[in-house]
Amino acid sequence: MWYTLNGKWSWFSIGKIRPDYIKDIGEKIMEQYGSIITTDFEINKDIINKITDISSKTLRNRLAGYLVILKKNEHRIIVPPKKGKKIRNKKDRKKKQRRNWR
């Protein structure tokens, strides 16, 4: 899709927005059946059919897609947020720089 960025047209992708119920169900399935979930969409659809009683095709497909993403991102290390006060604007940043020089 085309979007404007700083007044110029550019092409970039935007992340998918999923409802909370998809994320909740997907995370529960990953906790219980994480060892059999794969990065293949079709296999995950079959697994969801076997372990749940979801009759909705759309919900099953969304869950299978979300499980693929969770499995691919499983190896990522979560970095804890930095401690300390965030400096919000230029004035505060300059004040802090001046204090450090004294």
PDB file of N, CA and C in Angstrom:
ATOM      1  N   MET A   1       0.836  -1.175   0.000  1.00  0.00           N
ATOM      2  CA  MET A   1       0.000   0.000   0.000  1.00  0.00           C
ATOM      3  C   MET A   1       0.884   1.243   0.000  1.00  0.00           C
ATOM      4  N   TRP A   2       0.368   2.296  -0.550  1.00  0.00           N
ATOM      5  CA  TRP A   2       1.095   3.559  -0.586  1.00  0.00           C
ATOM      6  C   TRP A   2       0.641   4.452   0.556  1.00  0.00           C
ATOM      7  N   TYR A   3       1.606   5.064   1.223  1.00  0.00           N
ATOM      8  CA  TYR A   3       1.315   5.958   2.343  1.00  0.00           C
ATOM      9  C   TYR A   3       2.184   7.196   2.224  1.00  0.00           C
ATOM     10  N   THR A   4       1.732   8.276   2.830  1.00  0.00           N
ATOM     11  CA  THR A   4       2.562   9.465   2.845  1.00  0.00           C
ATOM     12  C   THR A   4       3.406   9.456   4.109  1.00  0.00           C
ATOM     13  N   LEU A   5       4.656   9.812   3.938  1.00  0.00           N
ATOM     14  CA  LEU A   5       5.576   9.882   5.054  1.00  0.00           C
ATOM     15  C   LEU A   5       6.375  11.162   4.874  1.00  0.00           C
ATOM     16  N   ASN A   6       6.168  12.123   5.771  1.00  0.00           N
ATOM     17  CA  ASN A   6       6.815  13.432   5.684  1.00  0.00           C
ATOM     18  C   ASN A   6       6.520  14.131   4.359  1.00  0.00           C
ATOM     19  N   GLY A   7       5.289  14.011   3.893  1.00  0.00           N
ATOM     20  CA  GLY A   7       4.890  14.696   2.683  1.00  0.00           C
ATOM     21  C   GLY A   7       5.244  13.976   1.400  1.00  0.00           C
ATOM     22  N   LYS A   8       5.980  12.869   1.479  1.00  0.00           N
ATOM     23  CA  LYS A   8       6.360  12.120   0.281  1.00  0.00           C
ATOM     24  C   LYS A   8       5.624  10.786   0.281  1.00  0.00           C
ATOM     25  N   TRP A   9       5.266  10.325  -0.905  1.00  0.00           N
ATOM     26  CA  TRP A   9       4.618   9.034  -1.026  1.00  0.00           C
ATOM     27  C   TRP A   9       5.676   7.954  -0.946  1.00  0.00           C
ATOM     28  N   SER A  10       5.404   6.950  -0.149  1.00  0.00           N
ATOM     29  CA  SER A  10       6.366   5.856  -0.045  1.00  0.00           C
ATOM     30  C   SER A  10       5.625   4.538   0.134  1.00  0.00           C
ATOM     31  N   TRP A  11       6.332   3.470  -0.128  1.00  0.00           N
ATOM     32  CA  TRP A  11       5.788   2.131  -0.020  1.00  0.00           C
ATOM     33  C   TRP A  11       6.410   1.452   1.189  1.00  0.00           C
ATOM     34  N   PHE A  12       5.598   1.028   2.121  1.00  0.00           N
ATOM     35  CA  PHE A  12       6.096   0.235   3.233  1.00  0.00           C
ATOM     36  C   PHE A  12       4.951  -0.584   3.798  1.00  0.00           C
ATOM     37  N   SER A  13       5.300  -1.632   4.491  1.00  0.00           N
ATOM     38  CA  SER A  13       4.255  -2.513   5.006  1.00  0.00           C
ATOM     39  C   SER A  13       3.933  -2.161   6.451  1.00  0.00           C
ATOM     40  N   ILE A  14       2.715  -2.393   6.801  1.00  0.00           N
ATOM     41  CA  ILE A  14       2.252  -2.134   8.154  1.00  0.00           C
ATOM     42  C   ILE A  14       1.939  -3.492   8.782  1.00  0.00           C
ATOM     43  N   GLY A  15       2.230  -3.652  10.060  1.00  0.00           N
ATOM     44  CA  GLY A  15       1.983  -4.909  10.749  1.00  0.00           C
ATOM     45  C   GLY A  15       0.502  -5.241  10.819  1.00  0.00           C
ATOM     46  N   LYS A  16       0.221  -6.523  10.960  1.00  0.00           N
ATOM     47  CA  LYS A  16      -1.170  -6.954  11.041  1.00  0.00           C
ATOM     48  C   LYS A  16      -1.713  -6.731  12.437  1.00  0.00           C
ATOM     49  N   ILE A  17      -2.953  -6.338  12.497  1.00  0.00           N
ATOM     50  CA  ILE A  17      -3.614  -6.131  13.779  1.00  0.00           C
ATOM     51  C   ILE A  17      -4.535  -7.320  13.997  1.00  0.00           C
ATOM     52  N   ARG A  18      -4.342  -8.009  15.099  1.00  0.00           N
ATOM     53  CA  ARG A  18      -5.163  -9.169  15.414  1.00  0.00           C
ATOM     54  C   ARG A  18      -5.989  -8.887  16.663  1.00  0.00           C
ATOM     55  N   PRO A  19      -7.201  -9.427  16.707  1.00  0.00           N
ATOM     56  CA  PRO A  19      -8.019  -9.264  17.906  1.00  0.00           C
ATOM     57  C   PRO A  19      -7.383  -9.980  19.102  1.00  0.00           C
ATOM     58  N   ASP A  20      -7.731  -9.530  20.294  1.00  0.00           N
ATOM     59  CA  ASP A  20      -7.168 -10.108  21.512  1.00  0.00           C
ATOM     60  C   ASP A  20      -7.549 -11.582  21.679  1.00  0.00           C
ATOM     61  N   TYR A  21      -8.760 -11.949  21.249  1.00  0.00           N
ATOM     62  CA  TYR A  21      -9.165 -13.342  21.435  1.00  0.00           C
ATOM     63  C   TYR A  21      -8.309 -14.289  20.599  1.00  0.00           C
ATOM     64  N   ILE A  22      -7.850 -13.851  19.425  1.00  0.00           N
ATOM     65  CA  ILE A  22      -6.948 -14.673  18.604  1.00  0.00           C
ATOM     66  C   ILE A  22      -5.618 -14.846  19.330  1.00  0.00           C
ATOM     67  N   LYS A  23      -5.100 -13.740  19.887  1.00  0.00           N
ATOM     68  CA  LYS A  23      -3.828 -13.798  20.600  1.00  0.00           C
ATOM     69  C   LYS A  23      -3.934 -14.671  21.840  1.00  0.00           C
ATOM     70  N   ASP A  24      -5.023 -14.536  22.591  1.00  0.00           N
ATOM     71  CA  ASP A  24      -5.203 -15.333  23.815  1.00  0.00           C
ATOM     72  C   ASP A  24      -5.262 -16.824  23.498  1.00  0.00           C
ATOM     73  N   ILE A  25      -6.089 -17.189  22.531  1.00  0.00           N
ATOM     74  CA  ILE A  25      -6.227 -18.600  22.173  1.00  0.00           C
ATOM     75  C   ILE A  25      -4.907 -19.131  21.616  1.00  0.00           C
ATOM     76  N   GLY A  26      -4.261 -18.336  20.763  1.00  0.00           N
ATOM     77  CA  GLY A  26      -2.988 -18.755  20.177  1.00  0.00           C
ATOM     78  C   GLY A  26      -1.906 -18.976  21.215  1.00  0.00           C
ATOM     79  N   GLU A  27      -1.823 -18.092  22.198  1.00  0.00           N
ATOM     80  CA  GLU A  27      -0.811 -18.249  23.242  1.00  0.00           C
ATOM     81  C   GLU A  27      -1.098 -19.449  24.126  1.00  0.00           C
ATOM     82  N   LYS A  28      -2.380 -19.725  24.400  1.00  0.00           N
ATOM     83  CA  LYS A  28      -2.726 -20.915  25.185  1.00  0.00           C
ATOM     84  C   LYS A  28      -2.358 -22.192  24.427  1.00  0.00           C
ATOM     85  N   ILE A  29      -2.629 -22.202  23.125  1.00  0.00           N
ATOM     86  CA  ILE A  29      -2.278 -23.367  22.316  1.00  0.00           C
ATOM     87  C   ILE A  29      -0.759 -23.549  22.287  1.00  0.00           C
ATOM     88  N   MET A  30      -0.011 -22.445  22.177  1.00  0.00           N
ATOM     89  CA  MET A  30       1.452 -22.549  22.164  1.00  0.00           C
ATOM     90  C   MET A  30       1.986 -23.075  23.485  1.00  0.00           C
ATOM     91  N   GLU A  31       1.375 -22.681  24.597  1.00  0.00           N
ATOM     92  CA  GLU A  31       1.824 -23.166  25.904  1.00  0.00           C
ATOM     93  C   GLU A  31       1.611 -24.679  26.032  1.00  0.00           C
ATOM     94  N   GLN A  32       0.454 -25.150  25.601  1.00  0.00           N
ATOM     95  CA  GLN A  32       0.118 -26.565  25.780  1.00  0.00           C
ATOM     96  C   GLN A  32       0.697 -27.454  24.683  1.00  0.00           C
ATOM     97  N   TYR A  33       0.660 -26.987  23.441  1.00  0.00           N
ATOM     98  CA  TYR A  33       1.047 -27.829  22.307  1.00  0.00           C
ATOM     99  C   TYR A  33       2.197 -27.232  21.508  1.00  0.00           C
ATOM    100  N   GLY A  34       3.052 -26.457  22.148  1.00  0.00           N
ATOM    101  CA  GLY A  34       4.144 -25.775  21.447  1.00  0.00           C
ATOM    102  C   GLY A  34       5.110 -26.706  20.743  1.00  0.00           C
ATOM    103  N   SER A  35       5.231 -27.927  21.247  1.00  0.00           N
ATOM    104  CA  SER A  35       6.183 -28.862  20.650  1.00  0.00           C
ATOM    105  C   SER A  35       5.700 -29.402  19.300  1.00  0.00           C
ATOM    106  N   ILE A  36       4.387 -29.450  19.077  1.00  0.00           N
ATOM    107  CA  ILE A  36       3.894 -29.987  17.804  1.00  0.00           C
ATOM    108  C   ILE A  36       3.536 -28.891  16.800  1.00  0.00           C
ATOM    109  N   ILE A  37       3.497 -27.644  17.234  1.00  0.00           N
ATOM    110  CA  ILE A  37       3.207 -26.532  16.322  1.00  0.00           C
ATOM    111  C   ILE A  37       4.431 -26.303  15.436  1.00  0.00           C
ATOM    112  N   THR A  38       4.193 -26.056  14.151  1.00  0.00           N
ATOM    113  CA  THR A  38       5.291 -25.855  13.195  1.00  0.00           C
ATOM    114  C   THR A  38       5.190 -24.476  12.556  1.00  0.00           C
ATOM    115  N   THR A  39       6.104 -24.194  11.648  1.00  0.00           N
ATOM    116  CA  THR A  39       6.054 -22.936  10.903  1.00  0.00           C
ATOM    117  C   THR A  39       5.297 -23.110   9.583  1.00  0.00           C
ATOM    118  N   ASP A  40       4.659 -24.258   9.395  1.00  0.00           N
ATOM    119  CA  ASP A  40       3.875 -24.512   8.188  1.00  0.00           C
ATOM    120  C   ASP A  40       2.396 -24.269   8.473  1.00  0.00           C
ATOM    121  N   PHE A  41       1.794 -23.402   7.705  1.00  0.00           N
ATOM    122  CA  PHE A  41       0.400 -22.995   7.897  1.00  0.00           C
ATOM    123  C   PHE A  41      -0.568 -24.170   7.773  1.00  0.00           C
ATOM    124  N   GLU A  42      -0.404 -24.987   6.727  1.00  0.00           N
ATOM    125  CA  GLU A  42      -1.323 -26.098   6.469  1.00  0.00           C
ATOM    126  C   GLU A  42      -1.282 -27.133   7.592  1.00  0.00           C
ATOM    127  N   ILE A  43      -0.105 -27.436   8.084  1.00  0.00           N
ATOM    128  CA  ILE A  43       0.017 -28.403   9.181  1.00  0.00           C
ATOM    129  C   ILE A  43      -0.635 -27.849  10.442  1.00  0.00           C
ATOM    130  N   ASN A  44      -0.432 -26.550  10.697  1.00  0.00           N
ATOM    131  CA  ASN A  44      -1.050 -25.933  11.877  1.00  0.00           C
ATOM    132  C   ASN A  44      -2.575 -25.955  11.795  1.00  0.00           C
ATOM    133  N   LYS A  45      -3.130 -25.802  10.577  1.00  0.00           N
ATOM    134  CA  LYS A  45      -4.582 -25.886  10.420  1.00  0.00           C
ATOM    135  C   LYS A  45      -5.085 -27.270  10.831  1.00  0.00           C
ATOM    136  N   ASP A  46      -4.377 -28.316  10.406  1.00  0.00           N
ATOM    137  CA  ASP A  46      -4.771 -29.675  10.777  1.00  0.00           C
ATOM    138  C   ASP A  46      -4.644 -29.906  12.277  1.00  0.00           C
ATOM    139  N   ILE A  47      -3.583 -29.365  12.877  1.00  0.00           N
ATOM    140  CA  ILE A  47      -3.381 -29.513  14.319  1.00  0.00           C
ATOM    141  C   ILE A  47      -4.518 -28.832  15.084  1.00  0.00           C
ATOM    142  N   ILE A  48      -4.901 -27.633  14.644  1.00  0.00           N
ATOM    143  CA  ILE A  48      -5.992 -26.909  15.298  1.00  0.00           C
ATOM    144  C   ILE A  48      -7.296 -27.690  15.180  1.00  0.00           C
ATOM    145  N   ASN A  49      -7.543 -28.319  14.023  1.00  0.00           N
ATOM    146  CA  ASN A  49      -8.744 -29.141  13.860  1.00  0.00           C
ATOM    147  C   ASN A  49      -8.763 -30.306  14.838  1.00  0.00           C
ATOM    148  N   LYS A  50      -7.585 -30.899  15.085  1.00  0.00           N
ATOM    149  CA  LYS A  50      -7.515 -32.069  15.966  1.00  0.00           C
ATOM    150  C   LYS A  50      -7.645 -31.701  17.443  1.00  0.00           C
ATOM    151  N   ILE A  51      -7.017 -30.591  17.857  1.00  0.00           N
ATOM    152  CA  ILE A  51      -6.974 -30.298  19.292  1.00  0.00           C
ATOM    153  C   ILE A  51      -8.104 -29.393  19.772  1.00  0.00           C
ATOM    154  N   THR A  52      -8.829 -28.752  18.853  1.00  0.00           N
ATOM    155  CA  THR A  52      -9.932 -27.874  19.264  1.00  0.00           C
ATOM    156  C   THR A  52     -11.216 -28.284  18.553  1.00  0.00           C
ATOM    157  N   ASP A  53     -12.296 -27.648  18.948  1.00  0.00           N
ATOM    158  CA  ASP A  53     -13.585 -27.904  18.291  1.00  0.00           C
ATOM    159  C   ASP A  53     -14.072 -26.652  17.556  1.00  0.00           C
ATOM    160  N   ILE A  54     -13.123 -25.899  16.992  1.00  0.00           N
ATOM    161  CA  ILE A  54     -13.468 -24.668  16.273  1.00  0.00           C
ATOM    162  C   ILE A  54     -14.080 -25.043  14.926  1.00  0.00           C
ATOM    163  N   SER A  55     -15.303 -24.581  14.685  1.00  0.00           N
ATOM    164  CA  SER A  55     -15.976 -24.899  13.426  1.00  0.00           C
ATOM    165  C   SER A  55     -15.810 -23.783  12.393  1.00  0.00           C
ATOM    166  N   SER A  56     -15.424 -22.597  12.844  1.00  0.00           N
ATOM    167  CA  SER A  56     -15.287 -21.462  11.943  1.00  0.00           C
ATOM    168  C   SER A  56     -13.978 -21.559  11.147  1.00  0.00           C
ATOM    169  N   LYS A  57     -14.118 -21.538   9.842  1.00  0.00           N
ATOM    170  CA  LYS A  57     -12.952 -21.634   8.963  1.00  0.00           C
ATOM    171  C   LYS A  57     -12.056 -20.395   9.110  1.00  0.00           C
ATOM    172  N   THR A  58     -12.663 -19.224   9.223  1.00  0.00           N
ATOM    173  CA  THR A  58     -11.912 -17.978   9.351  1.00  0.00           C
ATOM    174  C   THR A  58     -11.105 -17.950  10.635  1.00  0.00           C
ATOM    175  N   LEU A  59     -11.721 -18.338  11.731  1.00  0.00           N
ATOM    176  CA  LEU A  59     -11.033 -18.355  13.012  1.00  0.00           C
ATOM    177  C   LEU A  59      -9.878 -19.356  12.998  1.00  0.00           C
ATOM    178  N   ARG A  60     -10.116 -20.521  12.412  1.00  0.00           N
ATOM    179  CA  ARG A  60      -9.065 -21.536  12.323  1.00  0.00           C
ATOM    180  C   ARG A  60      -7.883 -21.023  11.504  1.00  0.00           C
ATOM    181  N   ASN A  61      -8.158 -20.383  10.388  1.00  0.00           N
ATOM    182  CA  ASN A  61      -7.084 -19.867   9.543  1.00  0.00           C
ATOM    183  C   ASN A  61      -6.312 -18.742  10.236  1.00  0.00           C
ATOM    184  N   ARG A  62      -7.023 -17.867  10.928  1.00  0.00           N
ATOM    185  CA  ARG A  62      -6.344 -16.785  11.645  1.00  0.00           C
ATOM    186  C   ARG A  62      -5.448 -17.337  12.750  1.00  0.00           C
ATOM    187  N   LEU A  63      -5.963 -18.335  13.465  1.00  0.00           N
ATOM    188  CA  LEU A  63      -5.171 -18.961  14.533  1.00  0.00           C
ATOM    189  C   LEU A  63      -3.943 -19.651  13.958  1.00  0.00           C
ATOM    190  N   ALA A  64      -4.112 -20.362  12.859  1.00  0.00           N
ATOM    191  CA  ALA A  64      -2.983 -21.058  12.248  1.00  0.00           C
ATOM    192  C   ALA A  64      -1.917 -20.061  11.800  1.00  0.00           C
ATOM    193  N   GLY A  65      -2.334 -18.954  11.235  1.00  0.00           N
ATOM    194  CA  GLY A  65      -1.385 -17.919  10.819  1.00  0.00           C
ATOM    195  C   GLY A  65      -0.669 -17.283  11.993  1.00  0.00           C
ATOM    196  N   TYR A  66      -1.409 -17.044  13.071  1.00  0.00           N
ATOM    197  CA  TYR A  66      -0.795 -16.447  14.264  1.00  0.00           C
ATOM    198  C   TYR A  66       0.188 -17.420  14.907  1.00  0.00           C
ATOM    199  N   LEU A  67      -0.137 -18.712  14.893  1.00  0.00           N
ATOM    200  CA  LEU A  67       0.776 -19.711  15.452  1.00  0.00           C
ATOM    201  C   LEU A  67       2.073 -19.800  14.653  1.00  0.00           C
ATOM    202  N   VAL A  68       1.978 -19.620  13.339  1.00  0.00           N
ATOM    203  CA  VAL A  68       3.190 -19.603  12.509  1.00  0.00           C
ATOM    204  C   VAL A  68       4.093 -18.457  12.940  1.00  0.00           C
ATOM    205  N   ILE A  69       3.512 -17.284  13.145  1.00  0.00           N
ATOM    206  CA  ILE A  69       4.301 -16.118  13.547  1.00  0.00           C
ATOM    207  C   ILE A  69       4.902 -16.332  14.942  1.00  0.00           C
ATOM    208  N   LEU A  70       4.110 -16.882  15.873  1.00  0.00           N
ATOM    209  CA  LEU A  70       4.635 -17.141  17.217  1.00  0.00           C
ATOM    210  C   LEU A  70       5.794 -18.133  17.164  1.00  0.00           C
ATOM    211  N   LYS A  71       5.673 -19.155  16.336  1.00  0.00           N
ATOM    212  CA  LYS A  71       6.727 -20.166  16.239  1.00  0.00           C
ATOM    213  C   LYS A  71       7.990 -19.565  15.623  1.00  0.00           C
ATOM    214  N   LYS A  72       7.829 -18.714  14.615  1.00  0.00           N
ATOM    215  CA  LYS A  72       8.997 -18.084  13.988  1.00  0.00           C
ATOM    216  C   LYS A  72       9.697 -17.135  14.949  1.00  0.00           C
ATOM    217  N   ASN A  73       8.939 -16.459  15.797  1.00  0.00           N
ATOM    218  CA  ASN A  73       9.518 -15.491  16.727  1.00  0.00           C
ATOM    219  C   ASN A  73       9.892 -16.115  18.067  1.00  0.00           C
ATOM    220  N   GLU A  74       9.759 -17.417  18.182  1.00  0.00           N
ATOM    221  CA  GLU A  74      10.006 -18.099  19.442  1.00  0.00           C
ATOM    222  C   GLU A  74      11.469 -17.967  19.896  1.00  0.00           C
ATOM    223  N   HIS A  75      12.383 -17.908  18.958  1.00  0.00           N
ATOM    224  CA  HIS A  75      13.809 -17.870  19.286  1.00  0.00           C
ATOM    225  C   HIS A  75      14.303 -16.477  19.673  1.00  0.00           C
ATOM    226  N   ARG A  76      13.501 -15.459  19.469  1.00  0.00           N
ATOM    227  CA  ARG A  76      13.932 -14.091  19.778  1.00  0.00           C
ATOM    228  C   ARG A  76      14.095 -13.881  21.270  1.00  0.00           C
ATOM    229  N   ILE A  77      15.103 -13.120  21.621  1.00  0.00           N
ATOM    230  CA  ILE A  77      15.353 -12.806  23.021  1.00  0.00           C
ATOM    231  C   ILE A  77      14.629 -11.513  23.353  1.00  0.00           C
ATOM    232  N   ILE A  78      13.885 -11.517  24.440  1.00  0.00           N
ATOM    233  CA  ILE A  78      13.165 -10.320  24.862  1.00  0.00           C
ATOM    234  C   ILE A  78      14.097  -9.496  25.730  1.00  0.00           C
ATOM    235  N   VAL A  79      14.365  -8.272  25.299  1.00  0.00           N
ATOM    236  CA  VAL A  79      15.259  -7.381  26.029  1.00  0.00           C
ATOM    237  C   VAL A  79      14.432  -6.560  27.007  1.00  0.00           C
ATOM    238  N   PRO A  80      14.799  -6.578  28.295  1.00  0.00           N
ATOM    239  CA  PRO A  80      14.044  -5.782  29.260  1.00  0.00           C
ATOM    240  C   PRO A  80      14.247  -4.293  29.008  1.00  0.00           C
ATOM    241  N   PRO A  81      13.268  -3.471  29.345  1.00  0.00           N
ATOM    242  CA  PRO A  81      13.416  -2.035  29.113  1.00  0.00           C
ATOM    243  C   PRO A  81      14.526  -1.449  29.976  1.00  0.00           C
ATOM    244  N   LYS A  82      15.144  -0.383  29.475  1.00  0.00           N
ATOM    245  CA  LYS A  82      16.220   0.274  30.223  1.00  0.00           C
ATOM    246  C   LYS A  82      15.651   0.982  31.443  1.00  0.00           C
ATOM    247  N   LYS A  83      16.427   0.959  32.507  1.00  0.00           N
ATOM    248  CA  LYS A  83      16.004   1.655  33.708  1.00  0.00           C
ATOM    249  C   LYS A  83      16.460   3.102  33.627  1.00  0.00           C
ATOM    250  N   GLY A  84      15.760   3.949  34.308  1.00  0.00           N
ATOM    251  CA  GLY A  84      16.119   5.358  34.307  1.00  0.00           C
ATOM    252  C   GLY A  84      15.022   6.202  33.710  1.00  0.00           C
ATOM    253  N   LYS A  85      15.173   7.487  33.884  1.00  0.00           N
ATOM    254  CA  LYS A  85      14.168   8.427  33.412  1.00  0.00           C
ATOM    255  C   LYS A  85      14.397   8.741  31.938  1.00  0.00           C
ATOM    256  N   LYS A  86      13.344   8.713  31.174  1.00  0.00           N
ATOM    257  CA  LYS A  86      13.438   9.085  29.767  1.00  0.00           C
ATOM    258  C   LYS A  86      13.443  10.592  29.638  1.00  0.00           C
ATOM    259  N   ILE A  87      14.274  11.086  28.743  1.00  0.00           N
ATOM    260  CA  ILE A  87      14.311  12.525  28.480  1.00  0.00           C
ATOM    261  C   ILE A  87      13.358  12.791  27.333  1.00  0.00           C
ATOM    262  N   ARG A  88      12.358  13.610  27.583  1.00  0.00           N
ATOM    263  CA  ARG A  88      11.260  13.780  26.648  1.00  0.00           C
ATOM    264  C   ARG A  88      11.551  14.783  25.520  1.00  0.00           C
ATOM    265  N   ASN A  89      12.192  15.901  25.830  1.00  0.00           N
ATOM    266  CA  ASN A  89      12.357  16.899  24.778  1.00  0.00           C
ATOM    267  C   ASN A  89      13.763  17.497  24.803  1.00  0.00           C
ATOM    268  N   LYS A  90      14.034  18.403  23.871  1.00  0.00           N
ATOM    269  CA  LYS A  90      15.376  18.969  23.730  1.00  0.00           C
ATOM    270  C   LYS A  90      15.798  19.787  24.943  1.00  0.00           C
ATOM    271  N   LYS A  91      14.857  20.540  25.526  1.00  0.00           N
ATOM    272  CA  LYS A  91      15.202  21.376  26.680  1.00  0.00           C
ATOM    273  C   LYS A  91      15.706  20.523  27.840  1.00  0.00           C
ATOM    274  N   ASP A  92      14.974  19.442  28.132  1.00  0.00           N
ATOM    275  CA  ASP A  92      15.388  18.568  29.221  1.00  0.00           C
ATOM    276  C   ASP A  92      16.730  17.905  28.920  1.00  0.00           C
ATOM    277  N   ARG A  93      16.948  17.535  27.672  1.00  0.00           N
ATOM    278  CA  ARG A  93      18.202  16.896  27.282  1.00  0.00           C
ATOM    279  C   ARG A  93      19.374  17.864  27.463  1.00  0.00           C
ATOM    280  N   LYS A  94      19.170  19.136  27.068  1.00  0.00           N
ATOM    281  CA  LYS A  94      20.242  20.124  27.204  1.00  0.00           C
ATOM    282  C   LYS A  94      20.524  20.419  28.670  1.00  0.00           C
ATOM    283  N   LYS A  95      19.465  20.471  29.499  1.00  0.00           N
ATOM    284  CA  LYS A  95      19.673  20.687  30.931  1.00  0.00           C
ATOM    285  C   LYS A  95      20.512  19.569  31.527  1.00  0.00           C
ATOM    286  N   LYS A  96      20.206  18.347  31.129  1.00  0.00           N
ATOM    287  CA  LYS A  96      20.961  17.219  31.646  1.00  0.00           C
ATOM    288  C   LYS A  96      22.410  17.276  31.178  1.00  0.00           C
ATOM    289  N   GLN A  97      22.648  17.670  29.939  1.00  0.00           N
ATOM    290  CA  GLN A  97      24.024  17.788  29.429  1.00  0.00           C
ATOM    291  C   GLN A  97      24.798  18.840  30.207  1.00  0.00           C
ATOM    292  N   ARG A  98      24.143  19.969  30.507  1.00  0.00           N
ATOM    293  CA  ARG A  98      24.806  21.015  31.257  1.00  0.00           C
ATOM    294  C   ARG A  98      25.159  20.541  32.668  1.00  0.00           C
ATOM    295  N   ARG A  99      24.245  19.820  33.303  1.00  0.00           N
ATOM    296  CA  ARG A  99      24.505  19.296  34.645  1.00  0.00           C
ATOM    297  C   ARG A  99      25.675  18.330  34.646  1.00  0.00           C
ATOM    298  N   ASN A 100      25.794  17.537  33.595  1.00  0.00           N
ATOM    299  CA  ASN A 100      26.883  16.560  33.534  1.00  0.00           C
ATOM    300  C   ASN A 100      28.245  17.212  33.323  1.00  0.00           C
ATOM    301  N   TRP A 101      28.287  18.411  32.725  1.00  0.00           N
ATOM    302  CA  TRP A 101      29.565  19.079  32.470  1.00  0.00           C
ATOM    303  C   TRP A 101      30.119  19.755  33.720  1.00  0.00           C
ATOM    304  N   ARG A 102      29.287  19.991  34.696  1.00  0.00           N
ATOM    305  CA  ARG A 102      29.760  20.686  35.901  1.00  0.00           C
ATOM    306  C   ARG A 102      30.551  19.806  36.790  1.00  0.00           C
TER     307      ARG A 102
END
